[in-house]
Amino acid sequence: MFNFSDNFFNKIEKKTNVGKDTILELASKLQQGDMKDEGTLREIIRELGKMTGKEVSKEKEDKIISAVVNDKVPKDLDKFV
């Protein structure tokens, strides 16, 4: 799994109001799920949308799923926060 600093979690919490514990709980769920399974990915995307209070359009959801399934997700996510 990724090795994130507290600074990373602080940035995420500041932007989303989602705490470190919630993020780690979701990460655990992600580890147990099949990240190539479209159904699992859609469920996780929707859960994240609810947590952050942001609606994710079907188009954006499709783009996220395509990126994950095709291994086009950046490995260094800390740069994007």
N, C-alpha and C. Protein backbone atom coordinates (compact mmCIF):
# COMPACT_ATOMS: atom_id res chain seq x y z
N MET A 1 0.85 -1.19 0.00
CA MET A 1 0.00 0.00 0.00
C MET A 1 0.88 1.23 0.00
N PHE A 2 0.30 2.35 -0.29
CA PHE A 2 1.01 3.61 -0.34
C PHE A 2 1.48 4.02 1.04
N ASN A 3 2.56 4.77 1.10
CA ASN A 3 3.07 5.30 2.36
C ASN A 3 2.85 6.81 2.34
N PHE A 4 1.82 7.28 3.05
CA PHE A 4 1.46 8.69 3.04
C PHE A 4 1.88 9.36 4.34
N SER A 5 2.28 10.60 4.21
CA SER A 5 2.65 11.39 5.39
C SER A 5 1.42 12.01 6.02
N ASP A 6 1.58 12.46 7.28
CA ASP A 6 0.48 13.16 7.95
C ASP A 6 0.13 14.43 7.18
N ASN A 7 1.12 15.03 6.54
CA ASN A 7 0.88 16.23 5.74
C ASN A 7 -0.10 15.94 4.61
N PHE A 8 0.04 14.79 3.99
CA PHE A 8 -0.88 14.37 2.93
C PHE A 8 -2.31 14.29 3.47
N PHE A 9 -2.47 13.62 4.61
CA PHE A 9 -3.81 13.48 5.20
C PHE A 9 -4.38 14.83 5.61
N ASN A 10 -3.53 15.71 6.12
CA ASN A 10 -4.00 17.05 6.50
C ASN A 10 -4.51 17.82 5.29
N LYS A 11 -3.81 17.70 4.16
CA LYS A 11 -4.24 18.37 2.94
C LYS A 11 -5.59 17.83 2.47
N ILE A 12 -5.73 16.52 2.50
CA ILE A 12 -6.97 15.88 2.08
C ILE A 12 -8.12 16.32 2.98
N GLU A 13 -7.88 16.29 4.29
CA GLU A 13 -8.93 16.66 5.24
C GLU A 13 -9.35 18.11 5.05
N LYS A 14 -8.38 18.97 4.81
CA LYS A 14 -8.67 20.39 4.62
C LYS A 14 -9.55 20.61 3.38
N LYS A 15 -9.26 19.87 2.31
CA LYS A 15 -10.01 20.05 1.06
C LYS A 15 -11.35 19.33 1.05
N THR A 16 -11.47 18.24 1.82
CA THR A 16 -12.66 17.39 1.70
C THR A 16 -13.48 17.25 2.97
N ASN A 17 -12.91 17.64 4.10
CA ASN A 17 -13.53 17.42 5.41
C ASN A 17 -13.68 15.93 5.73
N VAL A 18 -12.84 15.11 5.14
CA VAL A 18 -12.82 13.68 5.42
C VAL A 18 -11.54 13.40 6.22
N GLY A 19 -11.71 12.84 7.41
CA GLY A 19 -10.58 12.61 8.32
C GLY A 19 -9.72 11.43 7.95
N LYS A 20 -8.55 11.39 8.57
CA LYS A 20 -7.57 10.35 8.33
C LYS A 20 -8.14 8.96 8.60
N ASP A 21 -8.87 8.80 9.71
CA ASP A 21 -9.43 7.49 10.04
C ASP A 21 -10.40 7.00 8.97
N THR A 22 -11.21 7.90 8.46
CA THR A 22 -12.16 7.54 7.40
C THR A 22 -11.41 7.15 6.14
N ILE A 23 -10.37 7.88 5.83
CA ILE A 23 -9.55 7.58 4.65
C ILE A 23 -8.90 6.21 4.79
N LEU A 24 -8.34 5.94 5.97
CA LEU A 24 -7.69 4.65 6.19
C LEU A 24 -8.70 3.49 6.15
N GLU A 25 -9.90 3.74 6.66
CA GLU A 25 -10.95 2.72 6.60
C GLU A 25 -11.32 2.42 5.15
N LEU A 26 -11.44 3.47 4.36
CA LEU A 26 -11.74 3.29 2.94
C LEU A 26 -10.59 2.58 2.22
N ALA A 27 -9.36 2.93 2.58
CA ALA A 27 -8.19 2.29 1.96
C ALA A 27 -8.19 0.79 2.26
N SER A 28 -8.57 0.43 3.47
CA SER A 28 -8.65 -0.98 3.83
C SER A 28 -9.70 -1.69 2.97
N LYS A 29 -10.82 -1.02 2.77
CA LYS A 29 -11.88 -1.57 1.92
C LYS A 29 -11.38 -1.74 0.49
N LEU A 30 -10.60 -0.77 0.04
CA LEU A 30 -10.05 -0.83 -1.31
C LEU A 30 -9.10 -2.02 -1.46
N GLN A 31 -8.29 -2.26 -0.43
CA GLN A 31 -7.34 -3.37 -0.49
C GLN A 31 -8.06 -4.71 -0.60
N GLN A 32 -9.21 -4.81 0.05
CA GLN A 32 -9.96 -6.06 0.06
C GLN A 32 -10.78 -6.25 -1.21
N GLY A 33 -11.06 -5.15 -1.91
CA GLY A 33 -11.88 -5.22 -3.11
C GLY A 33 -11.06 -5.46 -4.36
N ASP A 34 -11.74 -5.82 -5.42
CA ASP A 34 -11.10 -6.03 -6.72
C ASP A 34 -11.11 -4.70 -7.46
N MET A 35 -9.96 -4.07 -7.57
CA MET A 35 -9.87 -2.74 -8.17
C MET A 35 -9.99 -2.77 -9.69
N LYS A 36 -10.19 -3.92 -10.26
CA LYS A 36 -10.43 -4.01 -11.69
C LYS A 36 -11.90 -4.31 -11.97
N ASP A 37 -12.68 -4.46 -10.89
CA ASP A 37 -14.10 -4.76 -11.00
C ASP A 37 -14.88 -3.45 -11.06
N GLU A 38 -15.60 -3.24 -12.13
CA GLU A 38 -16.34 -2.00 -12.34
C GLU A 38 -17.36 -1.73 -11.23
N GLY A 39 -18.04 -2.77 -10.79
CA GLY A 39 -19.04 -2.61 -9.73
C GLY A 39 -18.42 -2.12 -8.43
N THR A 40 -17.29 -2.69 -8.06
CA THR A 40 -16.57 -2.28 -6.85
C THR A 40 -16.12 -0.84 -6.97
N LEU A 41 -15.58 -0.49 -8.12
CA LEU A 41 -15.10 0.88 -8.33
C LEU A 41 -16.24 1.89 -8.26
N ARG A 42 -17.36 1.58 -8.88
CA ARG A 42 -18.51 2.50 -8.85
C ARG A 42 -19.00 2.70 -7.41
N GLU A 43 -19.04 1.62 -6.65
CA GLU A 43 -19.47 1.71 -5.25
C GLU A 43 -18.53 2.63 -4.46
N ILE A 44 -17.25 2.48 -4.65
CA ILE A 44 -16.27 3.28 -3.93
C ILE A 44 -16.32 4.74 -4.36
N ILE A 45 -16.47 4.98 -5.65
CA ILE A 45 -16.57 6.36 -6.15
C ILE A 45 -17.80 7.05 -5.56
N ARG A 46 -18.91 6.35 -5.52
CA ARG A 46 -20.15 6.92 -4.97
C ARG A 46 -20.01 7.17 -3.47
N GLU A 47 -19.35 6.25 -2.78
CA GLU A 47 -19.13 6.43 -1.34
C GLU A 47 -18.25 7.65 -1.07
N LEU A 48 -17.23 7.82 -1.87
CA LEU A 48 -16.37 9.00 -1.74
C LEU A 48 -17.14 10.28 -2.02
N GLY A 49 -17.99 10.25 -3.02
CA GLY A 49 -18.81 11.41 -3.35
C GLY A 49 -19.69 11.80 -2.17
N LYS A 50 -20.31 10.81 -1.53
CA LYS A 50 -21.15 11.08 -0.37
C LYS A 50 -20.33 11.65 0.79
N MET A 51 -19.15 11.07 1.02
CA MET A 51 -18.29 11.53 2.11
C MET A 51 -17.91 12.99 1.95
N THR A 52 -17.62 13.35 0.71
CA THR A 52 -17.12 14.70 0.45
C THR A 52 -18.23 15.68 0.10
N GLY A 53 -19.45 15.18 -0.07
CA GLY A 53 -20.56 16.05 -0.43
C GLY A 53 -20.50 16.54 -1.86
N LYS A 54 -19.81 15.78 -2.71
CA LYS A 54 -19.67 16.16 -4.12
C LYS A 54 -20.34 15.12 -5.00
N GLU A 55 -21.08 15.60 -5.97
CA GLU A 55 -21.73 14.69 -6.90
C GLU A 55 -20.75 14.36 -8.02
N VAL A 56 -20.67 13.08 -8.36
CA VAL A 56 -19.80 12.64 -9.44
C VAL A 56 -20.70 12.24 -10.61
N SER A 57 -20.54 12.93 -11.73
CA SER A 57 -21.37 12.63 -12.90
C SER A 57 -21.03 11.24 -13.45
N LYS A 58 -21.95 10.70 -14.21
CA LYS A 58 -21.73 9.39 -14.84
C LYS A 58 -20.51 9.45 -15.75
N GLU A 59 -20.35 10.55 -16.46
CA GLU A 59 -19.21 10.72 -17.35
C GLU A 59 -17.89 10.69 -16.58
N LYS A 60 -17.84 11.42 -15.48
CA LYS A 60 -16.62 11.46 -14.67
C LYS A 60 -16.36 10.10 -14.03
N GLU A 61 -17.42 9.46 -13.57
CA GLU A 61 -17.30 8.13 -12.99
C GLU A 61 -16.69 7.16 -14.01
N ASP A 62 -17.18 7.22 -15.24
CA ASP A 62 -16.66 6.36 -16.32
C ASP A 62 -15.18 6.64 -16.58
N LYS A 63 -14.78 7.91 -16.56
CA LYS A 63 -13.38 8.27 -16.79
C LYS A 63 -12.49 7.74 -15.66
N ILE A 64 -12.96 7.85 -14.43
CA ILE A 64 -12.19 7.35 -13.28
C ILE A 64 -12.02 5.85 -13.39
N ILE A 65 -13.10 5.16 -13.69
CA ILE A 65 -13.04 3.70 -13.81
C ILE A 65 -12.09 3.28 -14.94
N SER A 66 -12.17 3.96 -16.05
CA SER A 66 -11.27 3.66 -17.17
C SER A 66 -9.80 3.84 -16.77
N ALA A 67 -9.51 4.92 -16.06
CA ALA A 67 -8.13 5.19 -15.63
C ALA A 67 -7.63 4.10 -14.69
N VAL A 68 -8.48 3.69 -13.74
CA VAL A 68 -8.06 2.66 -12.78
C VAL A 68 -7.88 1.31 -13.46
N VAL A 69 -8.85 0.92 -14.26
CA VAL A 69 -8.80 -0.39 -14.93
C VAL A 69 -7.62 -0.48 -15.89
N ASN A 70 -7.27 0.64 -16.53
CA ASN A 70 -6.18 0.65 -17.50
C ASN A 70 -4.84 1.08 -16.90
N ASP A 71 -4.74 1.05 -15.55
CA ASP A 71 -3.51 1.39 -14.83
C ASP A 71 -2.95 2.77 -15.20
N LYS A 72 -3.82 3.75 -15.32
CA LYS A 72 -3.38 5.11 -15.66
C LYS A 72 -3.49 6.05 -14.46
N VAL A 73 -3.49 5.47 -13.25
CA VAL A 73 -3.54 6.28 -12.03
C VAL A 73 -2.12 6.56 -11.61
N PRO A 74 -1.78 7.83 -11.34
CA PRO A 74 -0.42 8.17 -10.93
C PRO A 74 -0.05 7.46 -9.62
N LYS A 75 1.19 7.05 -9.53
CA LYS A 75 1.66 6.36 -8.33
C LYS A 75 1.96 7.33 -7.19
N ASP A 76 2.33 8.56 -7.52
CA ASP A 76 2.67 9.56 -6.50
C ASP A 76 1.51 10.54 -6.35
N LEU A 77 0.48 10.14 -5.64
CA LEU A 77 -0.72 10.96 -5.48
C LEU A 77 -0.47 12.22 -4.65
N ASP A 78 0.58 12.22 -3.85
CA ASP A 78 0.89 13.37 -2.98
C ASP A 78 1.09 14.64 -3.80
N LYS A 79 1.53 14.53 -5.04
CA LYS A 79 1.75 15.68 -5.91
C LYS A 79 0.44 16.32 -6.36
N PHE A 80 -0.64 15.57 -6.31
CA PHE A 80 -1.91 16.05 -6.82
C PHE A 80 -2.80 16.68 -5.75
N VAL A 81 -2.34 16.69 -4.52
CA VAL A 81 -3.15 17.23 -3.43
C VAL A 81 -2.72 18.65 -3.10
